[in-house]
Protein backbone atom coordinates (compact mmCIF):
# COMPACT_ATOMS: atom_id res chain seq x y z
CA UNK A 1 14.09 -2.63 -33.28
CA UNK A 2 17.42 -4.56 -33.20
CA UNK A 3 17.04 -5.09 -29.47
CA UNK A 4 13.58 -6.53 -29.85
CA UNK A 5 14.69 -8.72 -32.70
CA UNK A 6 17.42 -10.24 -30.55
CA UNK A 7 14.90 -10.89 -27.73
CA UNK A 8 12.73 -12.65 -30.39
CA UNK A 9 15.75 -14.68 -31.56
CA UNK A 10 16.35 -15.87 -27.98
CA UNK A 11 12.57 -16.75 -27.69
CA UNK A 12 12.79 -18.66 -30.99
CA UNK A 13 15.69 -20.81 -29.63
CA UNK A 14 13.35 -21.97 -26.80
CA UNK A 15 10.36 -22.43 -29.08
CA UNK A 16 8.47 -19.68 -27.27
CA UNK A 17 8.04 -17.24 -30.25
CA UNK A 18 4.60 -16.68 -31.75
CA UNK A 19 4.03 -16.97 -35.49
CA UNK A 20 3.51 -13.20 -35.80
CA UNK A 21 6.72 -12.29 -33.90
CA UNK A 22 8.56 -14.87 -36.02
CA UNK A 23 7.34 -13.22 -39.25
CA UNK A 24 8.49 -9.83 -37.83
CA UNK A 25 11.89 -11.27 -36.78
CA UNK A 26 12.41 -12.85 -40.29
CA UNK A 27 11.46 -9.49 -41.96
CA UNK A 28 14.00 -7.66 -39.66
CA UNK A 29 16.73 -10.24 -40.35
CA UNK A 30 16.39 -9.76 -44.17
CA UNK A 31 17.19 -6.02 -43.67
CA UNK A 32 19.73 -6.12 -40.78
CA UNK A 33 22.97 -7.95 -41.34
CA UNK A 34 24.17 -7.39 -37.73
CA UNK A 35 21.06 -9.06 -36.28
CA UNK A 36 21.29 -11.91 -38.80
CA UNK A 37 24.86 -12.73 -37.76
CA UNK A 38 23.83 -12.42 -34.04
CA UNK A 39 21.03 -14.93 -34.55
CA UNK A 40 23.45 -17.33 -36.25
CA UNK A 41 26.10 -17.07 -33.54
CA UNK A 42 23.63 -17.40 -30.70
CA UNK A 43 21.93 -20.34 -32.40
CA UNK A 44 25.35 -22.15 -32.81
CA UNK A 45 26.31 -21.44 -29.21
CA UNK A 46 22.99 -22.69 -27.91
CA UNK A 47 23.25 -25.82 -30.04
CA UNK A 48 26.79 -26.49 -28.77
CA UNK A 49 25.72 -26.12 -25.12
CA UNK A 50 22.58 -28.29 -25.55
CA UNK A 51 24.57 -30.97 -27.41
CA UNK A 52 27.35 -31.30 -24.87
CA UNK A 53 27.58 -34.07 -22.29
CA UNK A 54 26.40 -33.34 -18.75
CA UNK A 55 29.17 -33.07 -16.27
CA UNK A 56 28.91 -34.09 -12.63
CA UNK A 57 29.92 -31.73 -9.94
CA UNK A 58 32.93 -32.77 -7.85
CA UNK A 59 30.83 -32.26 -4.68
CA UNK A 60 27.15 -31.35 -4.16
CA UNK A 61 26.13 -27.75 -3.86
CA UNK A 62 25.32 -26.87 -0.21
CA UNK A 63 23.21 -23.82 0.55
CA UNK A 64 23.55 -22.22 3.98
CA UNK A 65 20.57 -22.85 6.24
CA UNK A 66 18.36 -19.92 7.08
CA UNK A 67 18.30 -18.87 10.72
CA UNK A 68 14.79 -19.44 11.95
CA UNK A 69 13.36 -17.15 14.58
CA UNK A 70 11.46 -18.92 17.31
CA UNK A 71 7.93 -17.98 18.59
CA UNK A 72 9.44 -15.95 21.45
CA UNK A 73 11.33 -13.72 18.96
CA UNK A 74 8.16 -13.04 17.06
CA UNK A 75 6.29 -12.17 20.21
CA UNK A 76 9.09 -9.83 21.23
CA UNK A 77 9.01 -8.09 17.91
CA UNK A 78 5.22 -7.64 18.07
CA UNK A 79 5.44 -6.33 21.69
CA UNK A 80 8.18 -3.80 20.65
CA UNK A 81 6.08 -2.62 17.69
CA UNK A 82 3.05 -2.13 19.93
CA UNK A 83 5.07 -0.26 22.53
CA UNK A 84 6.48 1.97 19.76
CA UNK A 85 2.94 2.78 18.53
CA UNK A 86 1.73 3.59 21.95
CA UNK A 87 4.76 5.86 22.67
CA UNK A 88 4.33 7.64 19.34
CA UNK A 89 0.63 8.22 20.07
CA UNK A 90 1.31 9.65 23.48
CA UNK A 91 4.16 11.74 22.19
CA UNK A 92 2.04 13.26 19.46
CA UNK A 93 -0.77 13.88 21.88
CA UNK A 94 1.44 15.79 24.23
CA UNK A 95 3.24 17.60 21.48
CA UNK A 96 0.17 18.99 19.75
CA UNK A 97 -2.27 19.11 22.69
CA UNK A 98 -5.98 18.52 22.61
CA UNK A 99 -7.82 19.38 19.43
CA UNK A 100 -10.16 22.34 19.52
CA UNK A 101 -12.70 20.40 17.42
CA UNK A 102 -12.96 17.69 20.16
CA UNK A 103 -16.36 16.95 21.70
CA UNK A 104 -15.42 18.66 24.96
CA UNK A 105 -14.68 21.87 23.08
CA UNK A 106 -18.02 21.71 21.30
CA UNK A 107 -19.78 21.04 24.68
CA UNK A 108 -17.97 23.92 26.38
CA UNK A 109 -18.98 26.19 23.55
CA UNK A 110 -22.59 25.06 24.02
CA UNK A 111 -22.66 25.88 27.70
CA UNK A 112 -20.96 29.20 27.43
CA UNK A 113 -23.17 32.25 27.95
CA UNK A 114 -24.11 34.28 24.82
CA UNK A 115 -22.35 37.42 26.30
CA UNK A 116 -19.08 35.61 26.19
CA UNK A 117 -19.31 34.55 22.56
CA UNK A 118 -17.93 37.07 20.05
CA UNK A 119 -18.35 37.05 16.24
CA UNK A 120 -16.41 34.78 13.91
CA UNK A 121 -15.60 31.21 14.44
CA UNK A 122 -17.16 29.66 17.63
CA UNK A 123 -19.60 32.54 17.75
CA UNK A 124 -23.40 32.66 17.70
CA UNK A 125 -23.20 32.52 13.86
CA UNK A 126 -21.13 29.36 13.92
CA UNK A 127 -23.03 26.12 13.34
CA UNK A 128 -20.68 24.22 15.88
CA UNK A 129 -22.01 26.48 18.58
CA UNK A 130 -25.57 26.96 17.40
CA UNK A 131 -26.48 23.24 16.86
CA UNK A 132 -25.47 21.97 20.30
CA UNK A 133 -27.29 24.78 21.93
CA UNK A 134 -30.40 24.07 19.87
CA UNK A 135 -30.18 20.38 20.81
CA UNK A 136 -29.77 21.26 24.52
CA UNK A 137 -32.74 23.64 24.38
CA UNK A 138 -34.99 21.06 22.69
CA UNK A 139 -33.93 18.45 25.32
CA UNK A 140 -34.75 20.81 28.12
CA UNK A 141 -38.20 21.73 26.72
CA UNK A 142 -39.03 18.16 25.82
CA UNK A 143 -39.17 18.71 21.96
CA UNK A 144 -38.17 16.08 19.46
CA UNK A 145 -38.86 12.36 19.17
CA UNK A 146 -37.68 10.08 21.93
CA UNK A 147 -35.03 7.64 20.64
CA UNK A 148 -34.86 3.99 21.30
CA UNK A 149 -37.38 1.11 21.49
CA UNK A 150 -40.90 1.50 22.72
CA UNK A 151 -42.34 -1.45 24.51
CA UNK A 152 -46.12 -1.58 25.10
CA UNK A 153 -47.10 -3.90 27.90
């Protein structure tokens, strides 16, 4: 509570303390002698600083200029980032190889004869094998609705 009271005392010096917080601060200061002395000392120090004359600096403050990058530097950074992404993608692709759930793997499973397919994943019971075969069979027999726009002349 003392830490909060000291924050409130600082806010009061800048006229930024609400009435409620001021009432809480006053109640705390009546109970805590350490915080009451802190408020008196900080108030006296603030009044001394605010009441003193302004002093001019012997020379102006100079901040170092920031180095600006030109357009070519930004283009070079963007190109390097793009090259790194391409290299990472190629590296990961060669590291892990093609995915078995790729469309070509599904198509190969759909074309394989039933005698080659065993039980378990990628077998006759597997929906990834059964659905493409069913779609191919329907397409060969002409079942299903044709997709696309129908234009009557």
